[in-house]
Structure formats: structure tokens, C-alpha cells
PDB file of N, CA and C in Angstrom:
ATOM      1  N   MET A   1      48.891  -1.718  -2.062  1.00  0.00           N
ATOM      2  CA  MET A   1      47.748  -1.337  -1.407  1.00  0.00           C
ATOM      3  C   MET A   1      48.182  -0.644  -0.209  1.00  0.00           C
ATOM      4  N   HIS A   2      49.185  -0.252   0.086  1.00  0.00           N
ATOM      5  CA  HIS A   2      49.599   0.750   1.275  1.00  0.00           C
ATOM      6  C   HIS A   2      49.938   1.861   0.979  1.00  0.00           C
ATOM      7  N   GLU A   3      49.208   2.572   0.008  1.00  0.00           N
ATOM      8  CA  GLU A   3      49.580   4.077  -0.369  1.00  0.00           C
ATOM      9  C   GLU A   3      48.419   4.663   0.509  1.00  0.00           C
ATOM     10  N   ASN A   4      48.867   5.762   1.206  1.00  0.00           N
ATOM     11  CA  ASN A   4      48.123   6.825   2.095  1.00  0.00           C
ATOM     12  C   ASN A   4      47.722   7.919   1.639  1.00  0.00           C
ATOM     13  N   ILE A   5      46.796   8.924   1.924  1.00  0.00           N
ATOM     14  CA  ILE A   5      46.783  10.273   1.667  1.00  0.00           C
ATOM     15  C   ILE A   5      46.654  10.803   3.154  1.00  0.00           C
ATOM     16  N   ILE A   6      47.089  11.929   3.261  1.00  0.00           N
ATOM     17  CA  ILE A   6      47.257  12.927   4.554  1.00  0.00           C
ATOM     18  C   ILE A   6      46.157  13.756   4.426  1.00  0.00           C
ATOM     19  N   LEU A   7      45.023  13.811   5.370  1.00  0.00           N
ATOM     20  CA  LEU A   7      44.144  14.443   5.352  1.00  0.00           C
ATOM     21  C   LEU A   7      44.110  15.975   6.005  1.00  0.00           C
ATOM     22  N   ASN A   8      43.435  16.823   5.770  1.00  0.00           N
ATOM     23  CA  ASN A   8      43.707  18.269   6.127  1.00  0.00           C
ATOM     24  C   ASN A   8      43.740  18.380   7.584  1.00  0.00           C
ATOM     25  N   ASN A   9      43.432  17.510   8.360  1.00  0.00           N
ATOM     26  CA  ASN A   9      43.634  17.533   9.946  1.00  0.00           C
ATOM     27  C   ASN A   9      44.773  16.960  10.305  1.00  0.00           C
ATOM     28  N   GLY A  10      45.561  16.265   9.467  1.00  0.00           N
ATOM     29  CA  GLY A  10      46.953  15.446   9.705  1.00  0.00           C
ATOM     30  C   GLY A  10      46.784  14.138   9.771  1.00  0.00           C
ATOM     31  N   LEU A  11      45.594  13.330  10.007  1.00  0.00           N
ATOM     32  CA  LEU A  11      45.358  11.894   9.703  1.00  0.00           C
ATOM     33  C   LEU A  11      45.892  11.267   8.381  1.00  0.00           C
ATOM     34  N   THR A  12      46.274  10.400   8.653  1.00  0.00           N
ATOM     35  CA  THR A  12      46.645   9.452   7.267  1.00  0.00           C
ATOM     36  C   THR A  12      45.552   8.276   7.107  1.00  0.00           C
ATOM     37  N   MET A  13      45.082   8.303   5.908  1.00  0.00           N
ATOM     38  CA  MET A  13      43.841   7.761   5.329  1.00  0.00           C
ATOM     39  C   MET A  13      44.522   6.769   4.426  1.00  0.00           C
ATOM     40  N   PRO A  14      44.169   5.441   4.109  1.00  0.00           N
ATOM     41  CA  PRO A  14      44.612   4.390   3.505  1.00  0.00           C
ATOM     42  C   PRO A  14      43.732   5.128   1.833  1.00  0.00           C
ATOM     43  N   PHE A  15      44.526   4.956   0.771  1.00  0.00           N
ATOM     44  CA  PHE A  15      43.940   5.453  -0.372  1.00  0.00           C
ATOM     45  C   PHE A  15      43.127   4.609  -0.999  1.00  0.00           C
ATOM     46  N   VAL A  16      43.064   3.385  -0.803  1.00  0.00           N
ATOM     47  CA  VAL A  16      42.213   2.347  -1.290  1.00  0.00           C
ATOM     48  C   VAL A  16      41.333   1.732  -0.082  1.00  0.00           C
ATOM     49  N   GLY A  17      40.171   1.738  -0.125  1.00  0.00           N
ATOM     50  CA  GLY A  17      39.262   0.908   0.959  1.00  0.00           C
ATOM     51  C   GLY A  17      38.472  -0.245   0.415  1.00  0.00           C
ATOM     52  N   PHE A  18      37.942  -0.794   1.408  1.00  0.00           N
ATOM     53  CA  PHE A  18      36.734  -1.780   0.976  1.00  0.00           C
ATOM     54  C   PHE A  18      35.534  -1.468   1.345  1.00  0.00           C
ATOM     55  N   GLY A  19      34.511  -1.184   0.651  1.00  0.00           N
ATOM     56  CA  GLY A  19      33.242  -0.803   0.770  1.00  0.00           C
ATOM     57  C   GLY A  19      32.280  -2.175   1.295  1.00  0.00           C
ATOM     58  N   THR A  20      31.407  -1.843   1.988  1.00  0.00           N
ATOM     59  CA  THR A  20      30.581  -2.751   2.768  1.00  0.00           C
ATOM     60  C   THR A  20      29.052  -2.830   2.479  1.00  0.00           C
ATOM     61  N   TRP A  21      28.747  -1.895   1.504  1.00  0.00           N
ATOM     62  CA  TRP A  21      27.345  -1.528   1.259  1.00  0.00           C
ATOM     63  C   TRP A  21      26.444  -2.859   1.258  1.00  0.00           C
ATOM     64  N   MET A  22      26.695  -3.884   0.399  1.00  0.00           N
ATOM     65  CA  MET A  22      25.807  -5.101   0.339  1.00  0.00           C
ATOM     66  C   MET A  22      26.225  -6.100   1.271  1.00  0.00           C
ATOM     67  N   LEU A  23      27.278  -6.175   2.064  1.00  0.00           N
ATOM     68  CA  LEU A  23      27.549  -7.144   3.085  1.00  0.00           C
ATOM     69  C   LEU A  23      26.549  -7.372   4.046  1.00  0.00           C
ATOM     70  N   LYS A  24      26.064  -8.811   4.642  1.00  0.00           N
ATOM     71  CA  LYS A  24      25.226  -8.820   5.661  1.00  0.00           C
ATOM     72  C   LYS A  24      25.515 -10.166   6.156  1.00  0.00           C
ATOM     73  N   GLY A  25      25.402 -10.350   7.401  1.00  0.00           N
ATOM     74  CA  GLY A  25      25.421 -11.820   7.905  1.00  0.00           C
ATOM     75  C   GLY A  25      26.819 -12.399   7.891  1.00  0.00           C
ATOM     76  N   ALA A  26      26.634 -13.503   8.417  1.00  0.00           N
ATOM     77  CA  ALA A  26      28.045 -14.281   8.478  1.00  0.00           C
ATOM     78  C   ALA A  26      28.814 -14.221   7.284  1.00  0.00           C
ATOM     79  N   ALA A  27      28.424 -14.401   5.962  1.00  0.00           N
ATOM     80  CA  ALA A  27      29.169 -14.183   4.838  1.00  0.00           C
ATOM     81  C   ALA A  27      29.639 -12.909   4.544  1.00  0.00           C
ATOM     82  N   GLY A  28      28.921 -11.779   5.027  1.00  0.00           N
ATOM     83  CA  GLY A  28      29.509 -10.382   5.002  1.00  0.00           C
ATOM     84  C   GLY A  28      30.635 -10.202   5.865  1.00  0.00           C
ATOM     85  N   LYS A  29      30.473 -10.805   7.130  1.00  0.00           N
ATOM     86  CA  LYS A  29      31.537 -10.706   8.028  1.00  0.00           C
ATOM     87  C   LYS A  29      32.835 -11.417   7.703  1.00  0.00           C
ATOM     88  N   GLN A  30      32.599 -12.650   7.006  1.00  0.00           N
ATOM     89  CA  GLN A  30      33.917 -13.268   6.412  1.00  0.00           C
ATOM     90  C   GLN A  30      34.336 -12.404   5.159  1.00  0.00           C
ATOM     91  N   ALA A  31      33.484 -11.971   4.636  1.00  0.00           N
ATOM     92  CA  ALA A  31      34.095 -11.174   3.513  1.00  0.00           C
ATOM     93  C   ALA A  31      35.134  -9.786   3.966  1.00  0.00           C
ATOM     94  N   ILE A  32      34.433  -9.034   4.950  1.00  0.00           N
ATOM     95  CA  ILE A  32      35.288  -8.152   5.720  1.00  0.00           C
ATOM     96  C   ILE A  32      36.525  -8.929   6.205  1.00  0.00           C
ATOM     97  N   ARG A  33      36.722 -10.028   6.984  1.00  0.00           N
ATOM     98  CA  ARG A  33      37.884 -10.559   7.653  1.00  0.00           C
ATOM     99  C   ARG A  33      38.666 -11.013   6.363  1.00  0.00           C
ATOM    100  N   GLU A  34      38.154 -11.427   5.187  1.00  0.00           N
ATOM    101  CA  GLU A  34      39.078 -11.789   3.993  1.00  0.00           C
ATOM    102  C   GLU A  34      39.817 -10.402   3.505  1.00  0.00           C
ATOM    103  N   ALA A  35      38.901  -9.332   3.398  1.00  0.00           N
ATOM    104  CA  ALA A  35      39.643  -7.995   3.036  1.00  0.00           C
ATOM    105  C   ALA A  35      40.727  -7.523   3.899  1.00  0.00           C
ATOM    106  N   LEU A  36      40.521  -7.663   5.193  1.00  0.00           N
ATOM    107  CA  LEU A  36      41.574  -7.409   6.122  1.00  0.00           C
ATOM    108  C   LEU A  36      42.637  -8.134   6.084  1.00  0.00           C
ATOM    109  N   SER A  37      42.425  -9.406   5.709  1.00  0.00           N
ATOM    110  CA  SER A  37      43.703 -10.443   5.618  1.00  0.00           C
ATOM    111  C   SER A  37      44.591 -10.151   4.454  1.00  0.00           C
ATOM    112  N   VAL A  38      43.984  -9.797   3.507  1.00  0.00           N
ATOM    113  CA  VAL A  38      44.752  -9.444   2.238  1.00  0.00           C
ATOM    114  C   VAL A  38      45.226  -8.017   2.080  1.00  0.00           C
ATOM    115  N   GLY A  39      45.115  -7.191   3.270  1.00  0.00           N
ATOM    116  CA  GLY A  39      45.714  -6.060   3.043  1.00  0.00           C
ATOM    117  C   GLY A  39      44.979  -4.650   3.326  1.00  0.00           C
ATOM    118  N   TYR A  40      43.542  -4.864   3.234  1.00  0.00           N
ATOM    119  CA  TYR A  40      42.798  -3.699   3.182  1.00  0.00           C
ATOM    120  C   TYR A  40      42.694  -3.123   4.708  1.00  0.00           C
ATOM    121  N   ARG A  41      43.077  -1.658   4.775  1.00  0.00           N
ATOM    122  CA  ARG A  41      43.136  -1.375   6.120  1.00  0.00           C
ATOM    123  C   ARG A  41      42.019  -0.087   6.209  1.00  0.00           C
ATOM    124  N   LEU A  42      41.491   0.435   5.038  1.00  0.00           N
ATOM    125  CA  LEU A  42      40.183   1.105   5.201  1.00  0.00           C
ATOM    126  C   LEU A  42      38.824   0.350   4.962  1.00  0.00           C
ATOM    127  N   ILE A  43      38.019   0.524   5.860  1.00  0.00           N
ATOM    128  CA  ILE A  43      36.838  -0.307   5.946  1.00  0.00           C
ATOM    129  C   ILE A  43      35.465   0.789   5.975  1.00  0.00           C
ATOM    130  N   ASP A  44      34.781   0.810   4.909  1.00  0.00           N
ATOM    131  CA  ASP A  44      33.676   1.797   4.595  1.00  0.00           C
ATOM    132  C   ASP A  44      32.480   1.199   5.047  1.00  0.00           C
ATOM    133  N   THR A  45      31.829   1.664   6.108  1.00  0.00           N
ATOM    134  CA  THR A  45      30.262   1.112   6.139  1.00  0.00           C
ATOM    135  C   THR A  45      29.277   2.531   6.537  1.00  0.00           C
ATOM    136  N   ALA A  46      28.139   2.204   6.875  1.00  0.00           N
ATOM    137  CA  ALA A  46      27.379   3.127   7.297  1.00  0.00           C
ATOM    138  C   ALA A  46      26.089   2.577   7.820  1.00  0.00           C
ATOM    139  N   HIS A  47      25.446   3.667   8.735  1.00  0.00           N
ATOM    140  CA  HIS A  47      24.314   3.102   9.641  1.00  0.00           C
ATOM    141  C   HIS A  47      23.134   2.499   8.582  1.00  0.00           C
ATOM    142  N   MET A  48      22.854   3.390   7.518  1.00  0.00           N
ATOM    143  CA  MET A  48      21.931   2.946   6.548  1.00  0.00           C
ATOM    144  C   MET A  48      21.987   1.335   5.783  1.00  0.00           C
ATOM    145  N   TYR A  49      23.378   0.958   5.915  1.00  0.00           N
ATOM    146  CA  TYR A  49      23.871  -0.375   5.217  1.00  0.00           C
ATOM    147  C   TYR A  49      23.458  -1.512   6.191  1.00  0.00           C
ATOM    148  N   ASP A  50      22.954  -1.067   7.249  1.00  0.00           N
ATOM    149  CA  ASP A  50      22.804  -2.163   8.398  1.00  0.00           C
ATOM    150  C   ASP A  50      23.773  -3.300   8.705  1.00  0.00           C
ATOM    151  N   ASN A  51      24.953  -2.922   8.743  1.00  0.00           N
ATOM    152  CA  ASN A  51      26.107  -3.933   8.994  1.00  0.00           C
ATOM    153  C   ASN A  51      27.145  -3.299   9.674  1.00  0.00           C
ATOM    154  N   GLU A  52      26.969  -2.490  10.224  1.00  0.00           N
ATOM    155  CA  GLU A  52      27.958  -1.980  11.303  1.00  0.00           C
ATOM    156  C   GLU A  52      28.474  -2.945  12.312  1.00  0.00           C
ATOM    157  N   ALA A  53      27.292  -3.720  12.815  1.00  0.00           N
ATOM    158  CA  ALA A  53      27.781  -4.558  13.832  1.00  0.00           C
ATOM    159  C   ALA A  53      28.768  -5.877  13.163  1.00  0.00           C
ATOM    160  N   ILE A  54      28.451  -5.995  11.914  1.00  0.00           N
ATOM    161  CA  ILE A  54      29.397  -7.262  11.489  1.00  0.00           C
ATOM    162  C   ILE A  54      30.834  -6.643  11.074  1.00  0.00           C
ATOM    163  N   VAL A  55      30.827  -5.475  10.921  1.00  0.00           N
ATOM    164  CA  VAL A  55      32.089  -4.774  10.470  1.00  0.00           C
ATOM    165  C   VAL A  55      32.842  -4.886  11.871  1.00  0.00           C
ATOM    166  N   GLY A  56      32.289  -4.297  13.059  1.00  0.00           N
ATOM    167  CA  GLY A  56      32.620  -4.411  14.139  1.00  0.00           C
ATOM    168  C   GLY A  56      33.291  -5.655  14.823  1.00  0.00           C
ATOM    169  N   GLN A  57      32.499  -6.582  14.419  1.00  0.00           N
ATOM    170  CA  GLN A  57      32.756  -8.145  14.651  1.00  0.00           C
ATOM    171  C   GLN A  57      33.934  -8.642  13.769  1.00  0.00           C
ATOM    172  N   ALA A  58      34.076  -8.334  12.783  1.00  0.00           N
ATOM    173  CA  ALA A  58      35.389  -8.474  11.644  1.00  0.00           C
ATOM    174  C   ALA A  58      36.609  -8.101  12.356  1.00  0.00           C
ATOM    175  N   VAL A  59      36.545  -6.692  12.374  1.00  0.00           N
ATOM    176  CA  VAL A  59      37.720  -5.887  12.842  1.00  0.00           C
ATOM    177  C   VAL A  59      38.066  -6.618  14.132  1.00  0.00           C
ATOM    178  N   ALA A  60      37.216  -6.800  15.141  1.00  0.00           N
ATOM    179  CA  ALA A  60      37.654  -7.520  16.437  1.00  0.00           C
ATOM    180  C   ALA A  60      38.329  -9.012  16.141  1.00  0.00           C
ATOM    181  N   GLU A  61      37.790  -9.518  15.285  1.00  0.00           N
ATOM    182  CA  GLU A  61      38.321 -11.035  14.970  1.00  0.00           C
ATOM    183  C   GLU A  61      39.279 -11.075  14.232  1.00  0.00           C
ATOM    184  N   SER A  62      39.752  -9.914  13.423  1.00  0.00           N
ATOM    185  CA  SER A  62      40.914  -9.913  12.704  1.00  0.00           C
ATOM    186  C   SER A  62      42.286 -10.285  13.134  1.00  0.00           C
ATOM    187  N   GLY A  63      42.507  -9.871  14.380  1.00  0.00           N
ATOM    188  CA  GLY A  63      43.764  -9.969  15.057  1.00  0.00           C
ATOM    189  C   GLY A  63      44.521  -8.862  14.656  1.00  0.00           C
ATOM    190  N   LEU A  64      44.069  -7.788  13.921  1.00  0.00           N
ATOM    191  CA  LEU A  64      44.969  -6.869  13.788  1.00  0.00           C
ATOM    192  C   LEU A  64      44.294  -5.537  15.168  1.00  0.00           C
ATOM    193  N   ARG A  65      45.449  -4.586  15.311  1.00  0.00           N
ATOM    194  CA  ARG A  65      45.231  -3.571  16.286  1.00  0.00           C
ATOM    195  C   ARG A  65      44.441  -2.601  15.619  1.00  0.00           C
ATOM    196  N   ARG A  66      43.341  -1.997  16.380  1.00  0.00           N
ATOM    197  CA  ARG A  66      42.225  -1.216  15.806  1.00  0.00           C
ATOM    198  C   ARG A  66      42.816   0.149  15.450  1.00  0.00           C
ATOM    199  N   GLU A  67      44.088   0.570  15.821  1.00  0.00           N
ATOM    200  CA  GLU A  67      44.646   1.630  15.351  1.00  0.00           C
ATOM    201  C   GLU A  67      45.450   1.508  13.914  1.00  0.00           C
ATOM    202  N   ASP A  68      45.511   0.245  13.502  1.00  0.00           N
ATOM    203  CA  ASP A  68      45.986  -0.074  12.009  1.00  0.00           C
ATOM    204  C   ASP A  68      44.713   0.031  11.309  1.00  0.00           C
ATOM    205  N   ILE A  69      43.396  -0.014  11.668  1.00  0.00           N
ATOM    206  CA  ILE A  69      42.443  -0.049  10.612  1.00  0.00           C
ATOM    207  C   ILE A  69      41.585   1.347  10.649  1.00  0.00           C
ATOM    208  N   PHE A  70      41.316   1.731   9.453  1.00  0.00           N
ATOM    209  CA  PHE A  70      40.764   3.118   9.317  1.00  0.00           C
ATOM    210  C   PHE A  70      39.139   3.002   9.097  1.00  0.00           C
ATOM    211  N   ILE A  71      38.339   3.302   9.942  1.00  0.00           N
ATOM    212  CA  ILE A  71      36.830   2.782   9.773  1.00  0.00           C
ATOM    213  C   ILE A  71      36.220   4.210   9.462  1.00  0.00           C
ATOM    214  N   THR A  72      35.435   4.065   8.507  1.00  0.00           N
ATOM    215  CA  THR A  72      34.659   5.229   8.072  1.00  0.00           C
ATOM    216  C   THR A  72      33.164   4.705   7.912  1.00  0.00           C
ATOM    217  N   THR A  73      32.303   5.546   8.513  1.00  0.00           N
ATOM    218  CA  THR A  73      30.659   5.336   8.519  1.00  0.00           C
ATOM    219  C   THR A  73      30.179   6.584   8.280  1.00  0.00           C
ATOM    220  N   LYS A  74      28.768   6.500   7.728  1.00  0.00           N
ATOM    221  CA  LYS A  74      28.042   7.697   7.595  1.00  0.00           C
ATOM    222  C   LYS A  74      26.516   7.408   8.477  1.00  0.00           C
ATOM    223  N   LEU A  75      26.059   8.639   8.670  1.00  0.00           N
ATOM    224  CA  LEU A  75      25.054   8.859   9.465  1.00  0.00           C
ATOM    225  C   LEU A  75      23.787   8.823   8.548  1.00  0.00           C
ATOM    226  N   CYS A  76      22.568   8.521   8.855  1.00  0.00           N
ATOM    227  CA  CYS A  76      21.430   8.684   8.038  1.00  0.00           C
ATOM    228  C   CYS A  76      20.836  10.064   7.935  1.00  0.00           C
ATOM    229  N   GLN A  77      20.107  10.458   7.341  1.00  0.00           N
ATOM    230  CA  GLN A  77      19.468  11.560   7.139  1.00  0.00           C
ATOM    231  C   GLN A  77      18.570  12.142   8.315  1.00  0.00           C
ATOM    232  N   THR A  78      18.082  11.132   8.971  1.00  0.00           N
ATOM    233  CA  THR A  78      17.302  11.261  10.137  1.00  0.00           C
ATOM    234  C   THR A  78      18.035  11.937  11.246  1.00  0.00           C
ATOM    235  N   ARG A  79      19.660  11.980  11.118  1.00  0.00           N
ATOM    236  CA  ARG A  79      20.205  12.462  12.181  1.00  0.00           C
ATOM    237  C   ARG A  79      21.120  13.720  11.683  1.00  0.00           C
ATOM    238  N   ALA A  80      20.320  14.439  10.865  1.00  0.00           N
ATOM    239  CA  ALA A  80      20.982  15.547  10.394  1.00  0.00           C
ATOM    240  C   ALA A  80      21.256  16.667  11.204  1.00  0.00           C
ATOM    241  N   CYS A  81      20.536  16.911  12.319  1.00  0.00           N
ATOM    242  CA  CYS A  81      20.966  18.264  13.233  1.00  0.00           C
ATOM    243  C   CYS A  81      21.898  17.818  14.347  1.00  0.00           C
ATOM    244  N   TYR A  82      22.677  18.733  14.858  1.00  0.00           N
ATOM    245  CA  TYR A  82      23.728  18.603  15.717  1.00  0.00           C
ATOM    246  C   TYR A  82      23.401  17.457  16.801  1.00  0.00           C
ATOM    247  N   GLU A  83      22.428  17.480  17.519  1.00  0.00           N
ATOM    248  CA  GLU A  83      22.247  16.602  18.718  1.00  0.00           C
ATOM    249  C   GLU A  83      21.948  15.295  18.217  1.00  0.00           C
ATOM    250  N   LEU A  84      21.124  14.987  17.116  1.00  0.00           N
ATOM    251  CA  LEU A  84      20.984  13.604  16.623  1.00  0.00           C
ATOM    252  C   LEU A  84      22.046  13.168  15.962  1.00  0.00           C
ATOM    253  N   ALA A  85      23.188  13.972  15.595  1.00  0.00           N
ATOM    254  CA  ALA A  85      24.282  13.271  14.875  1.00  0.00           C
ATOM    255  C   ALA A  85      24.910  12.923  15.998  1.00  0.00           C
ATOM    256  N   TRP A  86      25.282  13.473  17.036  1.00  0.00           N
ATOM    257  CA  TRP A  86      25.951  12.874  18.317  1.00  0.00           C
ATOM    258  C   TRP A  86      25.418  11.538  18.859  1.00  0.00           C
ATOM    259  N   GLN A  87      24.057  11.523  18.754  1.00  0.00           N
ATOM    260  CA  GLN A  87      23.408  10.525  19.238  1.00  0.00           C
ATOM    261  C   GLN A  87      23.603   9.266  17.947  1.00  0.00           C
ATOM    262  N   GLY A  88      23.497   9.659  16.858  1.00  0.00           N
ATOM    263  CA  GLY A  88      24.108   8.537  15.738  1.00  0.00           C
ATOM    264  C   GLY A  88      25.377   7.874  15.940  1.00  0.00           C
ATOM    265  N   ILE A  89      26.186   8.997  16.186  1.00  0.00           N
ATOM    266  CA  ILE A  89      27.438   8.465  16.061  1.00  0.00           C
ATOM    267  C   ILE A  89      27.808   7.752  17.389  1.00  0.00           C
ATOM    268  N   GLU A  90      27.145   7.819  18.636  1.00  0.00           N
ATOM    269  CA  GLU A  90      27.465   7.109  19.819  1.00  0.00           C
ATOM    270  C   GLU A  90      26.586   5.674  19.521  1.00  0.00           C
ATOM    271  N   GLU A  91      25.849   5.671  18.560  1.00  0.00           N
ATOM    272  CA  GLU A  91      24.950   4.098  18.330  1.00  0.00           C
ATOM    273  C   GLU A  91      25.817   3.594  17.459  1.00  0.00           C
ATOM    274  N   SER A  92      26.531   4.383  16.463  1.00  0.00           N
ATOM    275  CA  SER A  92      27.489   3.492  15.667  1.00  0.00           C
ATOM    276  C   SER A  92      28.848   3.100  16.367  1.00  0.00           C
ATOM    277  N   LEU A  93      29.265   3.875  17.203  1.00  0.00           N
ATOM    278  CA  LEU A  93      30.209   3.381  18.178  1.00  0.00           C
ATOM    279  C   LEU A  93      29.882   2.026  18.831  1.00  0.00           C
ATOM    280  N   VAL A  94      28.691   1.929  19.347  1.00  0.00           N
ATOM    281  CA  VAL A  94      28.196   0.818  19.998  1.00  0.00           C
ATOM    282  C   VAL A  94      28.262  -0.490  19.049  1.00  0.00           C
ATOM    283  N   ARG A  95      27.721  -0.216  17.862  1.00  0.00           N
ATOM    284  CA  ARG A  95      27.442  -1.220  16.921  1.00  0.00           C
ATOM    285  C   ARG A  95      28.790  -1.659  16.460  1.00  0.00           C
ATOM    286  N   LEU A  96      29.767  -0.619  16.031  1.00  0.00           N
ATOM    287  CA  LEU A  96      31.299  -0.869  15.316  1.00  0.00           C
ATOM    288  C   LEU A  96      32.111  -1.564  16.632  1.00  0.00           C
ATOM    289  N   GLN A  97      31.726  -1.765  17.831  1.00  0.00           N
ATOM    290  CA  GLN A  97      32.365  -2.101  19.083  1.00  0.00           C
ATOM    291  C   GLN A  97      34.182  -1.397  19.200  1.00  0.00           C
ATOM    292  N   THR A  98      33.832  -0.043  19.157  1.00  0.00           N
ATOM    293  CA  THR A  98      34.963   0.570  19.239  1.00  0.00           C
ATOM    294  C   THR A  98      34.753   1.934  19.886  1.00  0.00           C
ATOM    295  N   ASP A  99      36.085   2.522  20.397  1.00  0.00           N
ATOM    296  CA  ASP A  99      35.927   3.853  21.011  1.00  0.00           C
ATOM    297  C   ASP A  99      35.981   4.940  20.096  1.00  0.00           C
ATOM    298  N   TYR A 100      36.304   4.728  18.953  1.00  0.00           N
ATOM    299  CA  TYR A 100      36.364   5.931  17.995  1.00  0.00           C
ATOM    300  C   TYR A 100      35.977   5.408  16.472  1.00  0.00           C
ATOM    301  N   ILE A 101      35.572   6.324  15.739  1.00  0.00           N
ATOM    302  CA  ILE A 101      35.585   5.991  14.171  1.00  0.00           C
ATOM    303  C   ILE A 101      36.443   7.278  13.623  1.00  0.00           C
ATOM    304  N   ASP A 102      37.231   6.798  12.644  1.00  0.00           N
ATOM    305  CA  ASP A 102      38.152   7.573  12.031  1.00  0.00           C
ATOM    306  C   ASP A 102      37.784   8.774  11.158  1.00  0.00           C
ATOM    307  N   LEU A 103      36.510   8.405  10.531  1.00  0.00           N
ATOM    308  CA  LEU A 103      36.006   9.401   9.567  1.00  0.00           C
ATOM    309  C   LEU A 103      34.411   9.056   9.382  1.00  0.00           C
ATOM    310  N   VAL A 104      33.485  10.278   9.842  1.00  0.00           N
ATOM    311  CA  VAL A 104      32.109  10.223   9.981  1.00  0.00           C
ATOM    312  C   VAL A 104      31.662  11.051   8.691  1.00  0.00           C
TER     313      VAL A 104
END
């Protein structure tokens, strides 16, 4: 589970990730923590999944360094223009409790 790919911008991204689409609440957060504990290092979420906050909590509680976890998220369609996209990213950063998102 430690294979990576190099993106066009030079970033290294884990080849396999853990999707969080249906994960909610305490059980969802525990599933994410378990995924991190068994070696997943790419966690995929989205604003529309309504679980960015538990992703952020699970990452914070994992004991892993933030730079060792690759977080991807997606904006909802209502954030399609430039200004609203920046606002959506800022909101995701708050929910994810992080200073950066690896891939939007």
C-alpha cells in the first residue's frame, strides 16, 4: 500500500486511497482512523459528502504527521466560479482543521 505516483506538478500522491463518501459521525471517524492505522495515506472527501469535519478530526487524532497524509476534497457545483471556489476552499480548510489541502 506504499506505492505512489508523481503528479505533473512534482507532488507525490499515494496510488491507493480511502474514500469517505458514506462515512458519517463517530463510526465514520473511527473508520477513517482505522484506515490510517493500517497504512492508508490518501484520504478522499468532499464538501458534498458532509464529512470533512470528521476527516479532519480523524487525521488530527491519528498521531500521524499532517505532511504524511494526502488529503483530497472536492468543491460543490455552487462554488464553480473563481471567487466562490476560493471561499469554498477556505471553508474546507476550516472543516478539515488543516492549513492546506493536497488536491482539490
